[in-house]
Amino acid sequence: MLSIASSELIQIFRNRLVLITSLIIPVAVSALFVRRHETFVAIGSLGYIAAMVMFTVAAFGLYATAVTTLASRRQNLFLKRLRSTAAADSTILAGLLLPPTAIAMVQVAAILTALAMVAGKPANGALLVVAVLATLAMMIGLALATAGLTNSPEHAQVTTLPVTLGVIAVASWVGISGTADLAWLKRLLPGGAVTELTMNAWNGGVAVTESLPLLAPTLGWVVIAVALATRLFRWDPRR
């Protein structure tokens, strides 16, 4: 797995399009949120900023990169060559997805640390870590499902757009308006519940026992996405 991951990491830094999508865009947008945090706090809260940073990195840096990577490796028959080795399918996928996942985790950690330094620490750091991990897991699952509908890296620019814009829009909606109204709808939409969880973790004022159930909708999306992936992202032996 590590040999696959190291090779994939090199490919990420060689591909300008993936490099811009996974590194430059998320960092630039997140830097804007941190730099103008007082403006965005007036719109929502520090928890809202944390959620937007998290989903910007997860959507552009992890999700879009993972879909592009899987589509590219399938198109150039690299997956077929890997399957001819002793590596299991799960090991192959883990090796391909480890680099963008690790990069996303480092980015989120660095940017949220910067936010904490300029605006104040989160009320519950452990709960915030749980929210970040749940978000990354959901985006990985959605990436696997989307890869089954993606024929090429160029096609990935189209297939990833609805989910990328959708989760960021949901996070913004929940972050600004809260869940006082239409709570069930906002929490069931992908990213809604974990956005509320992130806000609770950063802003405080909500008991942990009340926040943890918000993981259920997010984990539900993980299960749904993985189930779709097993149907859509088929390992074609002819390729």
C-alpha atoms as a PDB file:
ATOM      1  CA  MET A   1       0.000   0.000   0.000  1.00  0.00           C
ATOM      2  CA  LEU A   2       2.777   2.440   0.921  1.00  0.00           C
ATOM      3  CA  SER A   3       4.551   1.905  -2.394  1.00  0.00           C
ATOM      4  CA  ILE A   4       1.328   2.694  -4.252  1.00  0.00           C
ATOM      5  CA  ALA A   5       0.732   5.717  -2.035  1.00  0.00           C
ATOM      6  CA  SER A   6       4.235   7.111  -2.543  1.00  0.00           C
ATOM      7  CA  SER A   7       3.934   6.721  -6.301  1.00  0.00           C
ATOM      8  CA  GLU A   8       0.552   8.420  -6.246  1.00  0.00           C
ATOM      9  CA  LEU A   9       1.894  11.307  -4.180  1.00  0.00           C
ATOM     10  CA  ILE A  10       4.560  11.951  -6.808  1.00  0.00           C
ATOM     11  CA  GLN A  11       1.901  11.950  -9.525  1.00  0.00           C
ATOM     12  CA  ILE A  12      -0.175  14.519  -7.613  1.00  0.00           C
ATOM     13  CA  PHE A  13       2.711  16.973  -7.504  1.00  0.00           C
ATOM     14  CA  ARG A  14       3.447  16.399 -11.194  1.00  0.00           C
ATOM     15  CA  ASN A  15      -0.121  17.028 -12.342  1.00  0.00           C
ATOM     16  CA  ARG A  16      -0.723  20.779 -12.483  1.00  0.00           C
ATOM     17  CA  LEU A  17      -4.507  20.506 -12.661  1.00  0.00           C
ATOM     18  CA  VAL A  18      -4.697  18.215  -9.634  1.00  0.00           C
ATOM     19  CA  LEU A  19      -2.156  20.341  -7.789  1.00  0.00           C
ATOM     20  CA  ILE A  20      -4.241  23.473  -8.296  1.00  0.00           C
ATOM     21  CA  THR A  21      -7.454  21.704  -7.329  1.00  0.00           C
ATOM     22  CA  SER A  22      -6.080  19.934  -4.273  1.00  0.00           C
ATOM     23  CA  LEU A  23      -3.715  22.577  -2.902  1.00  0.00           C
ATOM     24  CA  ILE A  24      -3.999  26.088  -4.267  1.00  0.00           C
ATOM     25  CA  ILE A  25      -7.787  26.559  -4.423  1.00  0.00           C
ATOM     26  CA  PRO A  26      -8.570  25.151  -0.923  1.00  0.00           C
ATOM     27  CA  VAL A  27      -5.721  27.069   0.704  1.00  0.00           C
ATOM     28  CA  ALA A  28      -6.610  30.330  -1.057  1.00  0.00           C
ATOM     29  CA  VAL A  29     -10.291  30.147  -0.132  1.00  0.00           C
ATOM     30  CA  SER A  30      -9.539  29.058   3.435  1.00  0.00           C
ATOM     31  CA  ALA A  31      -6.998  31.856   3.847  1.00  0.00           C
ATOM     32  CA  LEU A  32      -9.710  34.324   2.863  1.00  0.00           C
ATOM     33  CA  PHE A  33     -12.041  32.951   5.553  1.00  0.00           C
ATOM     34  CA  VAL A  34      -9.316  33.164   8.193  1.00  0.00           C
ATOM     35  CA  ARG A  35      -8.114  36.617   7.162  1.00  0.00           C
ATOM     36  CA  ARG A  36     -11.639  38.040   7.075  1.00  0.00           C
ATOM     37  CA  HIS A  37     -12.891  36.030  10.045  1.00  0.00           C
ATOM     38  CA  GLU A  38     -14.489  39.059  11.704  1.00  0.00           C
ATOM     39  CA  THR A  39     -16.649  39.637   8.636  1.00  0.00           C
ATOM     40  CA  PHE A  40     -17.742  36.007   8.447  1.00  0.00           C
ATOM     41  CA  VAL A  41     -18.384  35.846  12.195  1.00  0.00           C
ATOM     42  CA  ALA A  42     -20.912  38.641  11.705  1.00  0.00           C
ATOM     43  CA  ILE A  43     -22.628  36.468   9.101  1.00  0.00           C
ATOM     44  CA  GLY A  44     -22.468  33.212  11.029  1.00  0.00           C
ATOM     45  CA  SER A  45     -19.956  32.268  13.722  1.00  0.00           C
ATOM     46  CA  LEU A  46     -16.452  30.916  14.182  1.00  0.00           C
ATOM     47  CA  GLY A  47     -17.957  27.448  13.927  1.00  0.00           C
ATOM     48  CA  TYR A  48     -19.387  28.432  10.563  1.00  0.00           C
ATOM     49  CA  ILE A  49     -15.922  29.491   9.369  1.00  0.00           C
ATOM     50  CA  ALA A  50     -14.438  26.208  10.606  1.00  0.00           C
ATOM     51  CA  ALA A  51     -17.112  24.225   8.734  1.00  0.00           C
ATOM     52  CA  MET A  52     -16.586  26.165   5.513  1.00  0.00           C
ATOM     53  CA  VAL A  53     -12.829  25.686   5.703  1.00  0.00           C
ATOM     54  CA  MET A  54     -13.287  21.983   6.354  1.00  0.00           C
ATOM     55  CA  PHE A  55     -15.668  21.453   3.438  1.00  0.00           C
ATOM     56  CA  THR A  56     -13.658  23.579   1.028  1.00  0.00           C
ATOM     57  CA  VAL A  57     -10.616  21.404   1.629  1.00  0.00           C
ATOM     58  CA  ALA A  58     -12.630  18.168   1.703  1.00  0.00           C
ATOM     59  CA  ALA A  59     -14.554  18.961  -1.480  1.00  0.00           C
ATOM     60  CA  PHE A  60     -11.768  20.372  -3.641  1.00  0.00           C
ATOM     61  CA  GLY A  61      -8.681  18.856  -2.042  1.00  0.00           C
ATOM     62  CA  LEU A  62      -9.934  15.355  -1.270  1.00  0.00           C
ATOM     63  CA  TYR A  63     -13.142  14.548  -3.133  1.00  0.00           C
ATOM     64  CA  ALA A  64     -12.340  16.037  -6.544  1.00  0.00           C
ATOM     65  CA  THR A  65      -8.746  14.801  -6.440  1.00  0.00           C
ATOM     66  CA  ALA A  66      -9.788  11.277  -5.459  1.00  0.00           C
ATOM     67  CA  VAL A  67     -12.343  11.028  -8.279  1.00  0.00           C
ATOM     68  CA  THR A  68      -9.847  12.357 -10.820  1.00  0.00           C
ATOM     69  CA  THR A  69      -7.186   9.941  -9.588  1.00  0.00           C
ATOM     70  CA  LEU A  70      -9.427   6.872  -9.742  1.00  0.00           C
ATOM     71  CA  ALA A  71     -10.772   7.793 -13.174  1.00  0.00           C
ATOM     72  CA  SER A  72      -7.286   8.383 -14.533  1.00  0.00           C
ATOM     73  CA  ARG A  73      -5.831   5.166 -13.136  1.00  0.00           C
ATOM     74  CA  ARG A  74      -8.718   3.154 -14.523  1.00  0.00           C
ATOM     75  CA  GLN A  75      -8.507   4.800 -17.947  1.00  0.00           C
ATOM     76  CA  ASN A  76      -4.772   4.170 -18.385  1.00  0.00           C
ATOM     77  CA  LEU A  77      -5.202   0.550 -17.202  1.00  0.00           C
ATOM     78  CA  PHE A  78      -3.029   1.138 -14.136  1.00  0.00           C
ATOM     79  CA  LEU A  79      -5.691  -0.502 -11.957  1.00  0.00           C
ATOM     80  CA  LYS A  80      -5.586  -3.601 -14.137  1.00  0.00           C
ATOM     81  CA  ARG A  81      -1.827  -3.846 -13.736  1.00  0.00           C
ATOM     82  CA  LEU A  82      -2.114  -3.435  -9.980  1.00  0.00           C
ATOM     83  CA  ARG A  83      -4.705  -6.193  -9.817  1.00  0.00           C
ATOM     84  CA  SER A  84      -2.272  -8.568 -11.470  1.00  0.00           C
ATOM     85  CA  THR A  85      -0.092  -8.273  -8.365  1.00  0.00           C
ATOM     86  CA  ALA A  86      -0.664  -9.870  -4.972  1.00  0.00           C
ATOM     87  CA  ALA A  87      -2.228  -6.673  -3.585  1.00  0.00           C
ATOM     88  CA  ALA A  88      -5.880  -6.907  -2.584  1.00  0.00           C
ATOM     89  CA  ASP A  89      -8.460  -4.506  -4.037  1.00  0.00           C
ATOM     90  CA  SER A  90      -8.843  -2.781  -0.680  1.00  0.00           C
ATOM     91  CA  THR A  91      -5.078  -2.293  -0.458  1.00  0.00           C
ATOM     92  CA  ILE A  92      -4.962  -0.805  -3.946  1.00  0.00           C
ATOM     93  CA  LEU A  93      -7.754   1.665  -3.210  1.00  0.00           C
ATOM     94  CA  ALA A  94      -6.214   2.573   0.135  1.00  0.00           C
ATOM     95  CA  GLY A  95      -2.873   3.251  -1.538  1.00  0.00           C
ATOM     96  CA  LEU A  96      -4.463   5.459  -4.192  1.00  0.00           C
ATOM     97  CA  LEU A  97      -6.578   7.420  -1.715  1.00  0.00           C
ATOM     98  CA  LEU A  98      -4.032   7.785   1.081  1.00  0.00           C
ATOM     99  CA  PRO A  99      -2.086  10.741  -0.430  1.00  0.00           C
ATOM    100  CA  PRO A 100      -5.086  13.070  -1.046  1.00  0.00           C
ATOM    101  CA  THR A 101      -6.538  12.072   2.322  1.00  0.00           C
ATOM    102  CA  ALA A 102      -3.296  12.820   4.150  1.00  0.00           C
ATOM    103  CA  ILE A 103      -2.888  16.133   2.323  1.00  0.00           C
ATOM    104  CA  ALA A 104      -6.458  17.123   3.198  1.00  0.00           C
ATOM    105  CA  MET A 105      -5.963  16.251   6.868  1.00  0.00           C
ATOM    106  CA  VAL A 106      -2.775  18.325   7.045  1.00  0.00           C
ATOM    107  CA  GLN A 107      -4.477  21.261   5.320  1.00  0.00           C
ATOM    108  CA  VAL A 108      -7.508  21.182   7.615  1.00  0.00           C
ATOM    109  CA  ALA A 109      -5.336  20.891  10.714  1.00  0.00           C
ATOM    110  CA  ALA A 110      -3.066  23.757   9.638  1.00  0.00           C
ATOM    111  CA  ILE A 111      -5.870  26.116   8.632  1.00  0.00           C
ATOM    112  CA  LEU A 112      -8.015  25.431  11.716  1.00  0.00           C
ATOM    113  CA  THR A 113      -4.938  25.944  13.883  1.00  0.00           C
ATOM    114  CA  ALA A 114      -4.388  29.297  12.195  1.00  0.00           C
ATOM    115  CA  LEU A 115      -8.042  30.179  12.802  1.00  0.00           C
ATOM    116  CA  ALA A 116      -7.702  29.249  16.466  1.00  0.00           C
ATOM    117  CA  MET A 117      -4.604  31.424  16.800  1.00  0.00           C
ATOM    118  CA  VAL A 118      -6.244  34.535  15.366  1.00  0.00           C
ATOM    119  CA  ALA A 119      -9.799  34.107  16.610  1.00  0.00           C
ATOM    120  CA  GLY A 120      -9.758  31.838  19.680  1.00  0.00           C
ATOM    121  CA  LYS A 121      -9.636  28.127  20.415  1.00  0.00           C
ATOM    122  CA  PRO A 122     -12.585  25.766  19.849  1.00  0.00           C
ATOM    123  CA  ALA A 123     -14.708  24.896  22.861  1.00  0.00           C
ATOM    124  CA  ASN A 124     -14.283  21.142  22.338  1.00  0.00           C
ATOM    125  CA  GLY A 125     -11.213  20.110  20.348  1.00  0.00           C
ATOM    126  CA  ALA A 126     -11.895  16.382  20.574  1.00  0.00           C
ATOM    127  CA  LEU A 127     -15.391  16.790  19.149  1.00  0.00           C
ATOM    128  CA  LEU A 128     -13.963  18.931  16.363  1.00  0.00           C
ATOM    129  CA  VAL A 129     -11.537  16.146  15.442  1.00  0.00           C
ATOM    130  CA  VAL A 130     -14.468  13.715  15.286  1.00  0.00           C
ATOM    131  CA  ALA A 131     -16.321  16.105  12.968  1.00  0.00           C
ATOM    132  CA  VAL A 132     -13.304  16.431  10.673  1.00  0.00           C
ATOM    133  CA  LEU A 133     -12.788  12.659  10.450  1.00  0.00           C
ATOM    134  CA  ALA A 134     -16.487  12.085   9.766  1.00  0.00           C
ATOM    135  CA  THR A 135     -16.406  14.677   6.990  1.00  0.00           C
ATOM    136  CA  LEU A 136     -13.358  13.148   5.323  1.00  0.00           C
ATOM    137  CA  ALA A 137     -14.896   9.677   5.540  1.00  0.00           C
ATOM    138  CA  MET A 138     -18.084  10.929   3.895  1.00  0.00           C
ATOM    139  CA  MET A 139     -16.183  12.637   1.084  1.00  0.00           C
ATOM    140  CA  ILE A 140     -14.086   9.524   0.437  1.00  0.00           C
ATOM    141  CA  GLY A 141     -17.263   7.457   0.170  1.00  0.00           C
ATOM    142  CA  LEU A 142     -18.820   9.979  -2.213  1.00  0.00           C
ATOM    143  CA  ALA A 143     -15.613   9.973  -4.253  1.00  0.00           C
ATOM    144  CA  LEU A 144     -15.748   6.201  -4.661  1.00  0.00           C
ATOM    145  CA  ALA A 145     -19.366   6.397  -5.775  1.00  0.00           C
ATOM    146  CA  THR A 146     -18.717   9.266  -8.214  1.00  0.00           C
ATOM    147  CA  ALA A 147     -15.713   7.452  -9.696  1.00  0.00           C
ATOM    148  CA  GLY A 148     -18.115   4.779 -10.934  1.00  0.00           C
ATOM    149  CA  LEU A 149     -19.823   7.415 -13.090  1.00  0.00           C
ATOM    150  CA  THR A 150     -16.609   9.002 -14.325  1.00  0.00           C
ATOM    151  CA  ASN A 151     -14.960   7.797 -17.529  1.00  0.00           C
ATOM    152  CA  SER A 152     -11.883  10.015 -17.601  1.00  0.00           C
ATOM    153  CA  PRO A 153     -10.056  12.765 -15.693  1.00  0.00           C
ATOM    154  CA  GLU A 154     -11.657  15.322 -18.007  1.00  0.00           C
ATOM    155  CA  HIS A 155     -15.088  13.874 -17.272  1.00  0.00           C
ATOM    156  CA  ALA A 156     -14.334  14.211 -13.551  1.00  0.00           C
ATOM    157  CA  GLN A 157     -14.518  17.990 -13.889  1.00  0.00           C
ATOM    158  CA  VAL A 158     -18.208  17.539 -14.702  1.00  0.00           C
ATOM    159  CA  THR A 159     -19.208  14.650 -12.439  1.00  0.00           C
ATOM    160  CA  THR A 160     -17.630  16.145  -9.313  1.00  0.00           C
ATOM    161  CA  LEU A 161     -19.217  19.577  -9.705  1.00  0.00           C
ATOM    162  CA  PRO A 162     -22.694  18.801  -8.243  1.00  0.00           C
ATOM    163  CA  VAL A 163     -21.341  17.219  -5.056  1.00  0.00           C
ATOM    164  CA  THR A 164     -18.560  19.798  -4.625  1.00  0.00           C
ATOM    165  CA  LEU A 165     -20.905  22.759  -4.904  1.00  0.00           C
ATOM    166  CA  GLY A 166     -23.707  20.915  -3.098  1.00  0.00           C
ATOM    167  CA  VAL A 167     -21.876  20.122   0.137  1.00  0.00           C
ATOM    168  CA  ILE A 168     -20.381  23.619   0.309  1.00  0.00           C
ATOM    169  CA  ALA A 169     -23.827  25.155  -0.271  1.00  0.00           C
ATOM    170  CA  VAL A 170     -25.367  22.968   2.443  1.00  0.00           C
ATOM    171  CA  ALA A 171     -22.564  23.854   4.877  1.00  0.00           C
ATOM    172  CA  SER A 172     -23.071  27.542   4.160  1.00  0.00           C
ATOM    173  CA  TRP A 173     -26.850  27.267   4.524  1.00  0.00           C
ATOM    174  CA  VAL A 174     -26.660  25.460   7.857  1.00  0.00           C
ATOM    175  CA  GLY A 175     -23.794  27.630   9.100  1.00  0.00           C
ATOM    176  CA  ILE A 176     -25.616  30.881   8.444  1.00  0.00           C
ATOM    177  CA  SER A 177     -29.228  29.960   9.211  1.00  0.00           C
ATOM    178  CA  GLY A 178     -28.707  27.286  11.882  1.00  0.00           C
ATOM    179  CA  THR A 179     -31.102  24.401  12.384  1.00  0.00           C
ATOM    180  CA  ALA A 180     -33.924  26.135  14.202  1.00  0.00           C
ATOM    181  CA  ASP A 181     -36.033  25.765  11.054  1.00  0.00           C
ATOM    182  CA  LEU A 182     -36.140  22.722   8.768  1.00  0.00           C
ATOM    183  CA  ALA A 183     -33.764  20.921  11.111  1.00  0.00           C
ATOM    184  CA  TRP A 184     -34.563  17.437   9.789  1.00  0.00           C
ATOM    185  CA  LEU A 185     -33.971  18.474   6.162  1.00  0.00           C
ATOM    186  CA  LYS A 186     -30.718  20.299   6.860  1.00  0.00           C
ATOM    187  CA  ARG A 187     -29.358  17.400   8.899  1.00  0.00           C
ATOM    188  CA  LEU A 188     -30.254  14.784   6.295  1.00  0.00           C
ATOM    189  CA  LEU A 189     -28.581  16.623   3.431  1.00  0.00           C
ATOM    190  CA  PRO A 190     -24.934  15.594   2.895  1.00  0.00           C
ATOM    191  CA  GLY A 191     -22.810  17.836   5.069  1.00  0.00           C
ATOM    192  CA  GLY A 192     -25.643  19.392   7.044  1.00  0.00           C
ATOM    193  CA  ALA A 193     -25.377  17.374  10.239  1.00  0.00           C
ATOM    194  CA  VAL A 194     -21.588  17.470  10.392  1.00  0.00           C
ATOM    195  CA  THR A 195     -21.663  21.238   9.838  1.00  0.00           C
ATOM    196  CA  GLU A 196     -23.877  21.575  12.901  1.00  0.00           C
ATOM    197  CA  LEU A 197     -21.530  19.233  14.777  1.00  0.00           C
ATOM    198  CA  THR A 198     -18.557  21.399  13.821  1.00  0.00           C
ATOM    199  CA  MET A 199     -20.340  24.530  14.983  1.00  0.00           C
ATOM    200  CA  ASN A 200     -21.211  22.899  18.301  1.00  0.00           C
ATOM    201  CA  ALA A 201     -17.618  21.804  18.745  1.00  0.00           C
ATOM    202  CA  TRP A 202     -16.167  25.243  18.049  1.00  0.00           C
ATOM    203  CA  ASN A 203     -18.809  27.549  19.518  1.00  0.00           C
ATOM    204  CA  GLY A 204     -19.749  25.396  22.517  1.00  0.00           C
ATOM    205  CA  GLY A 205     -22.999  25.748  24.415  1.00  0.00           C
ATOM    206  CA  VAL A 206     -24.324  22.312  23.399  1.00  0.00           C
ATOM    207  CA  ALA A 207     -23.771  19.135  25.401  1.00  0.00           C
ATOM    208  CA  VAL A 208     -21.646  16.426  23.805  1.00  0.00           C
ATOM    209  CA  THR A 209     -24.455  13.920  24.319  1.00  0.00           C
ATOM    210  CA  GLU A 210     -26.674  16.118  22.148  1.00  0.00           C
ATOM    211  CA  SER A 211     -24.021  16.611  19.476  1.00  0.00           C
ATOM    212  CA  LEU A 212     -22.855  13.021  18.962  1.00  0.00           C
ATOM    213  CA  PRO A 213     -26.176  11.846  17.420  1.00  0.00           C
ATOM    214  CA  LEU A 214     -25.423  14.259  14.582  1.00  0.00           C
ATOM    215  CA  LEU A 215     -22.848  11.722  13.393  1.00  0.00           C
ATOM    216  CA  ALA A 216     -25.631   9.335  12.366  1.00  0.00           C
ATOM    217  CA  PRO A 217     -26.692  11.139   9.144  1.00  0.00           C
ATOM    218  CA  THR A 218     -23.060  11.588   8.084  1.00  0.00           C
ATOM    219  CA  LEU A 219     -22.198   7.940   8.689  1.00  0.00           C
ATOM    220  CA  GLY A 220     -25.386   7.052   6.853  1.00  0.00           C
ATOM    221  CA  TRP A 221     -24.089   8.901   3.793  1.00  0.00           C
ATOM    222  CA  VAL A 222     -20.839   6.950   4.098  1.00  0.00           C
ATOM    223  CA  VAL A 223     -22.748   3.660   4.018  1.00  0.00           C
ATOM    224  CA  ILE A 224     -24.915   4.778   1.083  1.00  0.00           C
ATOM    225  CA  ALA A 225     -21.909   6.033  -0.885  1.00  0.00           C
ATOM    226  CA  VAL A 226     -19.897   2.852  -0.335  1.00  0.00           C
ATOM    227  CA  ALA A 227     -22.912   0.737  -1.323  1.00  0.00           C
ATOM    228  CA  LEU A 228     -23.239   2.751  -4.539  1.00  0.00           C
ATOM    229  CA  ALA A 229     -19.522   2.435  -5.153  1.00  0.00           C
ATOM    230  CA  THR A 230     -19.667  -1.342  -5.056  1.00  0.00           C
ATOM    231  CA  ARG A 231     -22.257  -1.208  -7.828  1.00  0.00           C
ATOM    232  CA  LEU A 232     -20.899   1.638  -9.930  1.00  0.00           C
ATOM    233  CA  PHE A 233     -17.130   1.414  -9.571  1.00  0.00           C
ATOM    234  CA  ARG A 234     -16.749  -2.054 -10.998  1.00  0.00           C
ATOM    235  CA  TRP A 235     -13.361  -3.664 -11.490  1.00  0.00           C
ATOM    236  CA  ASP A 236     -13.637  -4.622 -15.145  1.00  0.00           C
ATOM    237  CA  PRO A 237     -11.255  -7.579 -15.714  1.00  0.00           C
ATOM    238  CA  ARG A 238     -11.013  -6.707 -19.393  1.00  0.00           C
ATOM    239  CA  ARG A 239      -9.368  -3.385 -18.468  1.00  0.00           C
END
